[in-house]
Amino acid sequence: MEQVFTTVSSKGQLVIPIAIREAMGIEPGTRVAVRIEGAELILRPQTQDATRQVIEKLCGSTAGGFSMSDELIADRRAEDAKAGW
């Protein structure tokens, strides 16, 4: 998408152009997260689709890694063995 310009109002409000709202699924009432990264202002809509993308990105990110459950079970079994259970 090409760069689009908008102006901040005297109340600090910013109008997001319709083409961007439609592309990002932003509707009236959509919450938007705002943060600064270096010299850039980042706006991230908190739509269901955006939330789903974050969840999908994280799914499986810990698969095959260290399991606290397995470690805890092993510790309990070792304690039981020491106690003669």
C-alpha atoms as a PDB file:
ATOM      1  CA  MET A   1       0.000   0.000   0.000  1.00  0.00           C
ATOM      2  CA  GLU A   2       1.313   3.438  -0.841  1.00  0.00           C
ATOM      3  CA  GLN A   3       2.086   6.020   1.822  1.00  0.00           C
ATOM      4  CA  VAL A   4      -0.904   8.129   2.876  1.00  0.00           C
ATOM      5  CA  PHE A   5      -0.838  11.370   4.859  1.00  0.00           C
ATOM      6  CA  THR A   6      -3.238  12.585   7.527  1.00  0.00           C
ATOM      7  CA  THR A   7      -3.178  15.459  10.038  1.00  0.00           C
ATOM      8  CA  VAL A   8      -3.423  15.449  13.819  1.00  0.00           C
ATOM      9  CA  SER A   9      -6.274  17.643  15.086  1.00  0.00           C
ATOM     10  CA  SER A  10      -5.972  20.275  17.823  1.00  0.00           C
ATOM     11  CA  LYS A  11      -7.405  17.637  20.214  1.00  0.00           C
ATOM     12  CA  GLY A  12      -4.632  15.173  19.291  1.00  0.00           C
ATOM     13  CA  GLN A  13      -6.959  13.028  17.193  1.00  0.00           C
ATOM     14  CA  LEU A  14      -5.800  11.252  14.068  1.00  0.00           C
ATOM     15  CA  VAL A  15      -8.052  10.120  11.222  1.00  0.00           C
ATOM     16  CA  ILE A  16      -7.039   6.775   9.754  1.00  0.00           C
ATOM     17  CA  PRO A  17      -7.855   6.826   6.022  1.00  0.00           C
ATOM     18  CA  ILE A  18     -10.620   4.450   4.916  1.00  0.00           C
ATOM     19  CA  ALA A  19      -8.351   2.354   2.684  1.00  0.00           C
ATOM     20  CA  ILE A  20      -6.123   1.570   5.676  1.00  0.00           C
ATOM     21  CA  ARG A  21      -9.090   0.929   7.997  1.00  0.00           C
ATOM     22  CA  GLU A  22     -10.575  -1.511   5.506  1.00  0.00           C
ATOM     23  CA  ALA A  23      -7.248  -3.270   4.880  1.00  0.00           C
ATOM     24  CA  MET A  24      -6.645  -3.675   8.632  1.00  0.00           C
ATOM     25  CA  GLY A  25     -10.227  -4.539   9.610  1.00  0.00           C
ATOM     26  CA  ILE A  26     -10.578  -1.458  11.793  1.00  0.00           C
ATOM     27  CA  GLU A  27     -14.197  -0.637  12.570  1.00  0.00           C
ATOM     28  CA  PRO A  28     -15.758   1.924  14.938  1.00  0.00           C
ATOM     29  CA  GLY A  29     -14.898   0.885  18.493  1.00  0.00           C
ATOM     30  CA  THR A  30     -11.769  -1.084  17.555  1.00  0.00           C
ATOM     31  CA  ARG A  31      -9.056  -0.698  20.189  1.00  0.00           C
ATOM     32  CA  VAL A  32      -5.666   0.328  18.810  1.00  0.00           C
ATOM     33  CA  ALA A  33      -2.390  -0.245  20.660  1.00  0.00           C
ATOM     34  CA  VAL A  34       0.060   2.649  20.260  1.00  0.00           C
ATOM     35  CA  ARG A  35       3.801   2.528  20.934  1.00  0.00           C
ATOM     36  CA  ILE A  36       7.045   4.213  19.930  1.00  0.00           C
ATOM     37  CA  GLU A  37       9.867   2.310  18.226  1.00  0.00           C
ATOM     38  CA  GLY A  38      12.830   4.605  17.751  1.00  0.00           C
ATOM     39  CA  ALA A  39      11.553   7.534  15.714  1.00  0.00           C
ATOM     40  CA  GLU A  40       8.396   5.709  14.565  1.00  0.00           C
ATOM     41  CA  LEU A  41       4.887   5.635  15.961  1.00  0.00           C
ATOM     42  CA  ILE A  42       3.419   2.131  15.683  1.00  0.00           C
ATOM     43  CA  LEU A  43      -0.361   1.612  15.647  1.00  0.00           C
ATOM     44  CA  ARG A  44      -1.583  -1.978  16.023  1.00  0.00           C
ATOM     45  CA  PRO A  45      -5.327  -2.665  15.830  1.00  0.00           C
ATOM     46  CA  GLN A  46      -6.592  -5.112  18.434  1.00  0.00           C
ATOM     47  CA  THR A  47      -9.065  -6.870  16.140  1.00  0.00           C
ATOM     48  CA  GLN A  48     -10.018 -10.531  16.455  1.00  0.00           C
ATOM     49  CA  ASP A  49      -8.054 -11.214  13.283  1.00  0.00           C
ATOM     50  CA  ALA A  50      -4.938  -9.495  14.671  1.00  0.00           C
ATOM     51  CA  THR A  51      -5.285 -11.416  17.939  1.00  0.00           C
ATOM     52  CA  ARG A  52      -5.687 -14.684  16.013  1.00  0.00           C
ATOM     53  CA  GLN A  53      -2.509 -13.939  14.043  1.00  0.00           C
ATOM     54  CA  VAL A  54      -0.529 -13.406  17.256  1.00  0.00           C
ATOM     55  CA  ILE A  55      -1.872 -16.653  18.731  1.00  0.00           C
ATOM     56  CA  GLU A  56      -1.072 -18.588  15.547  1.00  0.00           C
ATOM     57  CA  LYS A  57       2.424 -17.123  15.563  1.00  0.00           C
ATOM     58  CA  LEU A  58       2.969 -18.335  19.139  1.00  0.00           C
ATOM     59  CA  CYS A  59       1.398 -21.786  18.699  1.00  0.00           C
ATOM     60  CA  GLY A  60       4.051 -24.461  18.892  1.00  0.00           C
ATOM     61  CA  SER A  61       6.769 -22.009  19.867  1.00  0.00           C
ATOM     62  CA  THR A  62       7.528 -24.040  22.991  1.00  0.00           C
ATOM     63  CA  ALA A  63       6.982 -27.490  21.492  1.00  0.00           C
ATOM     64  CA  GLY A  64       9.737 -29.970  22.193  1.00  0.00           C
ATOM     65  CA  GLY A  65      11.274 -27.764  24.816  1.00  0.00           C
ATOM     66  CA  PHE A  66      11.816 -28.183  28.535  1.00  0.00           C
ATOM     67  CA  SER A  67       8.787 -29.487  30.453  1.00  0.00           C
ATOM     68  CA  MET A  68       8.331 -28.339  34.035  1.00  0.00           C
ATOM     69  CA  SER A  69       5.676 -31.034  34.489  1.00  0.00           C
ATOM     70  CA  ASP A  70       8.092 -33.816  33.522  1.00  0.00           C
ATOM     71  CA  GLU A  71      10.742 -32.347  35.829  1.00  0.00           C
ATOM     72  CA  LEU A  72       8.290 -32.113  38.740  1.00  0.00           C
ATOM     73  CA  ILE A  73       7.092 -35.697  38.248  1.00  0.00           C
ATOM     74  CA  ALA A  74      10.697 -36.952  38.143  1.00  0.00           C
ATOM     75  CA  ASP A  75      11.489 -35.051  41.365  1.00  0.00           C
ATOM     76  CA  ARG A  76       8.431 -36.519  43.123  1.00  0.00           C
ATOM     77  CA  ARG A  77       9.330 -40.051  42.030  1.00  0.00           C
ATOM     78  CA  ALA A  78      12.892 -39.576  43.281  1.00  0.00           C
ATOM     79  CA  GLU A  79      11.573 -38.336  46.641  1.00  0.00           C
ATOM     80  CA  ASP A  80       9.170 -41.315  46.851  1.00  0.00           C
ATOM     81  CA  ALA A  81      12.028 -43.719  46.104  1.00  0.00           C
ATOM     82  CA  LYS A  82      14.168 -42.180  48.865  1.00  0.00           C
ATOM     83  CA  ALA A  83      11.249 -42.462  51.291  1.00  0.00           C
ATOM     84  CA  GLY A  84      10.740 -46.129  50.340  1.00  0.00           C
ATOM     85  CA  TRP A  85       7.325 -45.716  48.746  1.00  0.00           C
END
